[in-house]
Amino acid sequence: METPAVRQITDSRVLAAMAHPLRRRLMDVLKVHGPSTVGLLAERTDQAPANVSHHLKVLAAADLVTEAPELARDRRERWWRLVTRGLRWSSSDFDADPAARAVADAATSLNLDRHVALARAWHAADEAEQASWQDAAFSTDHWLRLTPEELAELSREMIGILLRWANRDLPDDDAERRPVFVFVHGVPARP
């Protein structure tokens, strides 16, 4: 079953469901490893299966994950998959309702915290781990002078590059390919 690429979220209840660190992490594990059982998800997140099961139910109620019964080997085995591979929202979609706007702002903050935590974890990794990647891991920043339209164009180009890499056919060359997290933010700011 092909998973749609991106879902535009306009319901604050969906944002509230995903705006929890473990639920966000479960969605990331499903994105990286594909459909998984509660046991596999518990193992990959160092959580108790009952805790994972609870959070999967919350995500399922928000239509963020769904069961994948065709993968089960018997009636007791429950597999889960993402409904969509990516989520997007605009805080301005929630401006009419202060409570919904607060949820959208919290989801945005959690998202940024997750991005920064993943980068910090890499920089805290031991030297042997970092050395195995030599100079492949990168960080870059630039100050650009852009109009809103130009920033939107840059966004489309950057997302296009990332999608090209994400959707490419992997070579059959026995090279180990580990999950690599890449994030890009382009926001108006003051130096």
C-alpha atoms as a PDB file:
ATOM      1  CA  MET A   1       0.000   0.000   0.000  1.00  0.00           C
ATOM      2  CA  GLU A   2       1.543   3.331  -1.095  1.00  0.00           C
ATOM      3  CA  THR A   3       1.511   5.970   1.635  1.00  0.00           C
ATOM      4  CA  PRO A   4       0.580   9.514   0.515  1.00  0.00           C
ATOM      5  CA  ALA A   5       3.473  11.963   0.749  1.00  0.00           C
ATOM      6  CA  VAL A   6       2.075  14.913   2.741  1.00  0.00           C
ATOM      7  CA  ARG A   7      -1.121  15.709   4.628  1.00  0.00           C
ATOM      8  CA  GLN A   8      -2.196  19.296   5.268  1.00  0.00           C
ATOM      9  CA  ILE A   9      -3.534  19.460   8.834  1.00  0.00           C
ATOM     10  CA  THR A  10      -6.261  21.962   9.610  1.00  0.00           C
ATOM     11  CA  ASP A  11      -7.772  20.218  12.663  1.00  0.00           C
ATOM     12  CA  SER A  12      -6.169  21.173  15.978  1.00  0.00           C
ATOM     13  CA  ARG A  13      -7.190  17.809  17.470  1.00  0.00           C
ATOM     14  CA  VAL A  14      -4.859  16.089  15.003  1.00  0.00           C
ATOM     15  CA  LEU A  15      -2.032  18.445  15.961  1.00  0.00           C
ATOM     16  CA  ALA A  16      -2.738  17.806  19.641  1.00  0.00           C
ATOM     17  CA  ALA A  17      -2.493  14.055  19.048  1.00  0.00           C
ATOM     18  CA  MET A  18       0.915  14.314  17.385  1.00  0.00           C
ATOM     19  CA  ALA A  19       2.230  17.031  19.725  1.00  0.00           C
ATOM     20  CA  HIS A  20       3.632  14.555  22.213  1.00  0.00           C
ATOM     21  CA  PRO A  21       7.318  13.559  22.183  1.00  0.00           C
ATOM     22  CA  LEU A  22       6.743   9.784  22.177  1.00  0.00           C
ATOM     23  CA  ARG A  23       3.979   9.932  19.582  1.00  0.00           C
ATOM     24  CA  ARG A  24       6.191  12.083  17.372  1.00  0.00           C
ATOM     25  CA  ARG A  25       9.017   9.579  17.824  1.00  0.00           C
ATOM     26  CA  LEU A  26       6.729   6.619  17.019  1.00  0.00           C
ATOM     27  CA  MET A  27       5.755   8.344  13.785  1.00  0.00           C
ATOM     28  CA  ASP A  28       9.452   8.853  12.963  1.00  0.00           C
ATOM     29  CA  VAL A  29      10.202   5.162  13.628  1.00  0.00           C
ATOM     30  CA  LEU A  30       7.345   4.163  11.316  1.00  0.00           C
ATOM     31  CA  LYS A  31       8.625   6.592   8.682  1.00  0.00           C
ATOM     32  CA  VAL A  32      12.159   5.185   8.825  1.00  0.00           C
ATOM     33  CA  HIS A  33      11.457   1.475   9.365  1.00  0.00           C
ATOM     34  CA  GLY A  34       8.032   1.114   7.777  1.00  0.00           C
ATOM     35  CA  PRO A  35       5.125  -0.834   9.249  1.00  0.00           C
ATOM     36  CA  SER A  36       5.907  -2.319  12.652  1.00  0.00           C
ATOM     37  CA  THR A  37       4.331  -4.235  15.489  1.00  0.00           C
ATOM     38  CA  VAL A  38       3.861  -2.775  18.954  1.00  0.00           C
ATOM     39  CA  GLY A  39       6.724  -5.002  20.123  1.00  0.00           C
ATOM     40  CA  LEU A  40       9.111  -3.685  17.475  1.00  0.00           C
ATOM     41  CA  LEU A  41       8.104  -0.094  18.200  1.00  0.00           C
ATOM     42  CA  ALA A  42       8.592  -0.659  21.948  1.00  0.00           C
ATOM     43  CA  GLU A  43      12.037  -2.109  21.285  1.00  0.00           C
ATOM     44  CA  ARG A  44      13.070   0.758  19.004  1.00  0.00           C
ATOM     45  CA  THR A  45      11.881   3.444  21.444  1.00  0.00           C
ATOM     46  CA  ASP A  46      12.829   1.748  24.745  1.00  0.00           C
ATOM     47  CA  GLN A  47       9.224   1.967  25.908  1.00  0.00           C
ATOM     48  CA  ALA A  48       6.839  -0.539  27.469  1.00  0.00           C
ATOM     49  CA  PRO A  49       4.544  -2.201  24.899  1.00  0.00           C
ATOM     50  CA  ALA A  50       1.455  -1.050  26.843  1.00  0.00           C
ATOM     51  CA  ASN A  51       2.653   2.559  26.634  1.00  0.00           C
ATOM     52  CA  VAL A  52       3.335   2.257  22.894  1.00  0.00           C
ATOM     53  CA  SER A  53      -0.060   0.644  22.359  1.00  0.00           C
ATOM     54  CA  HIS A  54      -1.805   3.504  24.168  1.00  0.00           C
ATOM     55  CA  HIS A  55      -0.038   6.147  22.080  1.00  0.00           C
ATOM     56  CA  LEU A  56      -0.730   4.270  18.839  1.00  0.00           C
ATOM     57  CA  LYS A  57      -4.441   4.329  19.701  1.00  0.00           C
ATOM     58  CA  VAL A  58      -4.274   8.112  20.147  1.00  0.00           C
ATOM     59  CA  LEU A  59      -2.498   8.455  16.782  1.00  0.00           C
ATOM     60  CA  ALA A  60      -5.018   6.119  15.135  1.00  0.00           C
ATOM     61  CA  ALA A  61      -7.955   8.142  16.492  1.00  0.00           C
ATOM     62  CA  ALA A  62      -6.407  11.183  14.767  1.00  0.00           C
ATOM     63  CA  ASP A  63      -5.957   9.189  11.537  1.00  0.00           C
ATOM     64  CA  LEU A  64      -2.168   9.539  11.718  1.00  0.00           C
ATOM     65  CA  VAL A  65      -1.487   5.786  11.876  1.00  0.00           C
ATOM     66  CA  THR A  66      -3.568   2.806  10.867  1.00  0.00           C
ATOM     67  CA  GLU A  67      -3.452  -0.909  11.397  1.00  0.00           C
ATOM     68  CA  ALA A  68      -1.907  -3.066   8.671  1.00  0.00           C
ATOM     69  CA  PRO A  69      -3.698  -6.408   9.241  1.00  0.00           C
ATOM     70  CA  GLU A  70      -2.407  -7.881   5.973  1.00  0.00           C
ATOM     71  CA  LEU A  71       1.075  -8.080   7.546  1.00  0.00           C
ATOM     72  CA  ALA A  72      -0.023 -10.099  10.576  1.00  0.00           C
ATOM     73  CA  ARG A  73       0.966 -13.761  10.708  1.00  0.00           C
ATOM     74  CA  ASP A  74      -1.845 -14.570  13.135  1.00  0.00           C
ATOM     75  CA  ARG A  75      -4.837 -12.909  14.800  1.00  0.00           C
ATOM     76  CA  ARG A  76      -2.844 -11.752  17.828  1.00  0.00           C
ATOM     77  CA  GLU A  77      -0.179  -9.868  15.859  1.00  0.00           C
ATOM     78  CA  ARG A  78      -1.003  -6.209  15.173  1.00  0.00           C
ATOM     79  CA  TRP A  79       0.982  -4.185  12.683  1.00  0.00           C
ATOM     80  CA  TRP A  80       0.822  -0.400  12.317  1.00  0.00           C
ATOM     81  CA  ARG A  81       1.758   1.994   9.514  1.00  0.00           C
ATOM     82  CA  LEU A  82       1.659   5.710   8.861  1.00  0.00           C
ATOM     83  CA  VAL A  83      -1.351   7.077   7.022  1.00  0.00           C
ATOM     84  CA  THR A  84       0.832   9.757   5.378  1.00  0.00           C
ATOM     85  CA  ARG A  85       4.620  10.129   5.279  1.00  0.00           C
ATOM     86  CA  GLY A  86       4.634  13.843   6.030  1.00  0.00           C
ATOM     87  CA  LEU A  87       2.530  16.409   7.816  1.00  0.00           C
ATOM     88  CA  ARG A  88       2.301  20.114   7.269  1.00  0.00           C
ATOM     89  CA  TRP A  89       0.295  22.853   8.866  1.00  0.00           C
ATOM     90  CA  SER A  90       0.162  26.610   8.949  1.00  0.00           C
ATOM     91  CA  SER A  91      -0.371  28.292  12.285  1.00  0.00           C
ATOM     92  CA  SER A  92      -2.440  30.931  10.475  1.00  0.00           C
ATOM     93  CA  ASP A  93      -5.070  28.235   9.753  1.00  0.00           C
ATOM     94  CA  PHE A  94      -5.817  28.300  13.486  1.00  0.00           C
ATOM     95  CA  ASP A  95      -5.919  32.074  14.061  1.00  0.00           C
ATOM     96  CA  ALA A  96      -9.715  32.179  14.480  1.00  0.00           C
ATOM     97  CA  ASP A  97      -9.593  30.036  17.635  1.00  0.00           C
ATOM     98  CA  PRO A  98      -7.063  30.981  20.355  1.00  0.00           C
ATOM     99  CA  ALA A  99      -7.092  27.458  21.839  1.00  0.00           C
ATOM    100  CA  ALA A 100      -6.474  25.887  18.420  1.00  0.00           C
ATOM    101  CA  ARG A 101      -3.708  28.423  17.748  1.00  0.00           C
ATOM    102  CA  ALA A 102      -2.061  27.464  21.057  1.00  0.00           C
ATOM    103  CA  VAL A 103      -2.127  23.806  19.979  1.00  0.00           C
ATOM    104  CA  ALA A 104      -0.595  24.699  16.593  1.00  0.00           C
ATOM    105  CA  ASP A 105       2.117  26.758  18.287  1.00  0.00           C
ATOM    106  CA  ALA A 106       2.860  23.881  20.700  1.00  0.00           C
ATOM    107  CA  ALA A 107       3.089  21.421  17.785  1.00  0.00           C
ATOM    108  CA  THR A 108       5.489  23.744  15.968  1.00  0.00           C
ATOM    109  CA  SER A 109       7.607  24.099  19.115  1.00  0.00           C
ATOM    110  CA  LEU A 110       7.688  20.320  19.673  1.00  0.00           C
ATOM    111  CA  ASN A 111       8.699  19.832  16.051  1.00  0.00           C
ATOM    112  CA  LEU A 112      11.590  22.264  16.385  1.00  0.00           C
ATOM    113  CA  ASP A 113      12.637  20.703  19.708  1.00  0.00           C
ATOM    114  CA  ARG A 114      12.706  17.272  18.009  1.00  0.00           C
ATOM    115  CA  HIS A 115      14.849  18.594  15.147  1.00  0.00           C
ATOM    116  CA  VAL A 116      17.350  20.211  17.496  1.00  0.00           C
ATOM    117  CA  ALA A 117      17.443  17.142  19.792  1.00  0.00           C
ATOM    118  CA  LEU A 118      18.390  14.898  16.863  1.00  0.00           C
ATOM    119  CA  ALA A 119      21.201  17.255  15.841  1.00  0.00           C
ATOM    120  CA  ARG A 120      22.409  17.516  19.453  1.00  0.00           C
ATOM    121  CA  ALA A 121      22.409  13.713  19.804  1.00  0.00           C
ATOM    122  CA  TRP A 122      24.709  13.427  16.778  1.00  0.00           C
ATOM    123  CA  HIS A 123      27.114  15.988  18.187  1.00  0.00           C
ATOM    124  CA  ALA A 124      27.120  14.128  21.524  1.00  0.00           C
ATOM    125  CA  ALA A 125      27.925  10.778  19.865  1.00  0.00           C
ATOM    126  CA  ASP A 126      31.288   9.264  20.639  1.00  0.00           C
ATOM    127  CA  GLU A 127      34.276  10.045  18.448  1.00  0.00           C
ATOM    128  CA  ALA A 128      34.368   6.571  16.877  1.00  0.00           C
ATOM    129  CA  GLU A 129      30.776   6.947  15.689  1.00  0.00           C
ATOM    130  CA  GLN A 130      31.440  10.404  14.308  1.00  0.00           C
ATOM    131  CA  ALA A 131      34.688   9.276  12.673  1.00  0.00           C
ATOM    132  CA  SER A 132      32.872   6.513  10.802  1.00  0.00           C
ATOM    133  CA  TRP A 133      30.959   9.216   8.946  1.00  0.00           C
ATOM    134  CA  GLN A 134      34.124  11.301   8.377  1.00  0.00           C
ATOM    135  CA  ASP A 135      32.991  14.693   7.108  1.00  0.00           C
ATOM    136  CA  ALA A 136      29.655  13.533   5.687  1.00  0.00           C
ATOM    137  CA  ALA A 137      27.466  15.020   8.421  1.00  0.00           C
ATOM    138  CA  PHE A 138      27.019  18.717   7.818  1.00  0.00           C
ATOM    139  CA  SER A 139      25.563  21.921   9.084  1.00  0.00           C
ATOM    140  CA  THR A 140      25.234  25.108   7.117  1.00  0.00           C
ATOM    141  CA  ASP A 141      23.504  28.418   7.410  1.00  0.00           C
ATOM    142  CA  HIS A 142      23.194  31.433   5.158  1.00  0.00           C
ATOM    143  CA  TRP A 143      21.646  34.871   5.361  1.00  0.00           C
ATOM    144  CA  LEU A 144      19.713  35.630   2.178  1.00  0.00           C
ATOM    145  CA  ARG A 145      17.718  38.655   1.086  1.00  0.00           C
ATOM    146  CA  LEU A 146      14.423  37.348  -0.275  1.00  0.00           C
ATOM    147  CA  THR A 147      10.818  38.295  -0.916  1.00  0.00           C
ATOM    148  CA  PRO A 148       8.097  35.974   0.408  1.00  0.00           C
ATOM    149  CA  GLU A 149       7.699  34.625  -3.142  1.00  0.00           C
ATOM    150  CA  GLU A 150      11.426  33.936  -3.445  1.00  0.00           C
ATOM    151  CA  LEU A 151      11.464  32.145  -0.093  1.00  0.00           C
ATOM    152  CA  ALA A 152       8.538  29.999  -1.280  1.00  0.00           C
ATOM    153  CA  GLU A 153      10.481  29.178  -4.464  1.00  0.00           C
ATOM    154  CA  LEU A 154      13.578  28.246  -2.436  1.00  0.00           C
ATOM    155  CA  SER A 155      11.366  26.053  -0.231  1.00  0.00           C
ATOM    156  CA  ARG A 156       9.985  24.182  -3.243  1.00  0.00           C
ATOM    157  CA  GLU A 157      13.500  23.650  -4.628  1.00  0.00           C
ATOM    158  CA  MET A 158      14.895  22.382  -1.284  1.00  0.00           C
ATOM    159  CA  ILE A 159      11.948  20.057  -0.738  1.00  0.00           C
ATOM    160  CA  GLY A 160      12.353  18.800  -4.308  1.00  0.00           C
ATOM    161  CA  ILE A 161      15.992  17.896  -3.658  1.00  0.00           C
ATOM    162  CA  LEU A 162      15.116  16.072  -0.429  1.00  0.00           C
ATOM    163  CA  LEU A 163      12.262  14.198  -2.121  1.00  0.00           C
ATOM    164  CA  ARG A 164      14.563  13.147  -4.956  1.00  0.00           C
ATOM    165  CA  TRP A 165      16.959  11.602  -2.415  1.00  0.00           C
ATOM    166  CA  ALA A 166      14.160  10.112  -0.294  1.00  0.00           C
ATOM    167  CA  ASN A 167      12.369   8.487  -3.237  1.00  0.00           C
ATOM    168  CA  ARG A 168      15.374   7.237  -5.205  1.00  0.00           C
ATOM    169  CA  ASP A 169      15.884   3.555  -5.906  1.00  0.00           C
ATOM    170  CA  LEU A 170      18.567   2.288  -3.553  1.00  0.00           C
ATOM    171  CA  PRO A 171      21.530   0.697  -5.332  1.00  0.00           C
ATOM    172  CA  ASP A 172      22.003  -3.021  -4.814  1.00  0.00           C
ATOM    173  CA  ASP A 173      25.631  -2.614  -3.740  1.00  0.00           C
ATOM    174  CA  ASP A 174      25.646  -4.083  -0.204  1.00  0.00           C
ATOM    175  CA  ALA A 175      26.595  -0.665   1.249  1.00  0.00           C
ATOM    176  CA  GLU A 176      25.167  -0.010   4.697  1.00  0.00           C
ATOM    177  CA  ARG A 177      22.674   2.862   4.533  1.00  0.00           C
ATOM    178  CA  ARG A 178      21.651   4.188   7.932  1.00  0.00           C
ATOM    179  CA  PRO A 179      18.796   6.577   8.595  1.00  0.00           C
ATOM    180  CA  VAL A 180      20.019  10.160   8.215  1.00  0.00           C
ATOM    181  CA  PHE A 181      17.929  13.051   9.497  1.00  0.00           C
ATOM    182  CA  VAL A 182      18.015  16.230   7.400  1.00  0.00           C
ATOM    183  CA  PHE A 183      16.112  19.350   8.330  1.00  0.00           C
ATOM    184  CA  VAL A 184      15.991  22.783   6.753  1.00  0.00           C
ATOM    185  CA  HIS A 185      14.363  25.916   8.092  1.00  0.00           C
ATOM    186  CA  GLY A 186      14.051  29.112   6.118  1.00  0.00           C
ATOM    187  CA  VAL A 187      12.511  31.869   8.214  1.00  0.00           C
ATOM    188  CA  PRO A 188      12.641  35.647   8.221  1.00  0.00           C
ATOM    189  CA  ALA A 189      14.875  36.680  11.119  1.00  0.00           C
ATOM    190  CA  ARG A 190      17.039  39.442  12.533  1.00  0.00           C
ATOM    191  CA  PRO A 191      20.758  38.803  12.983  1.00  0.00           C
END
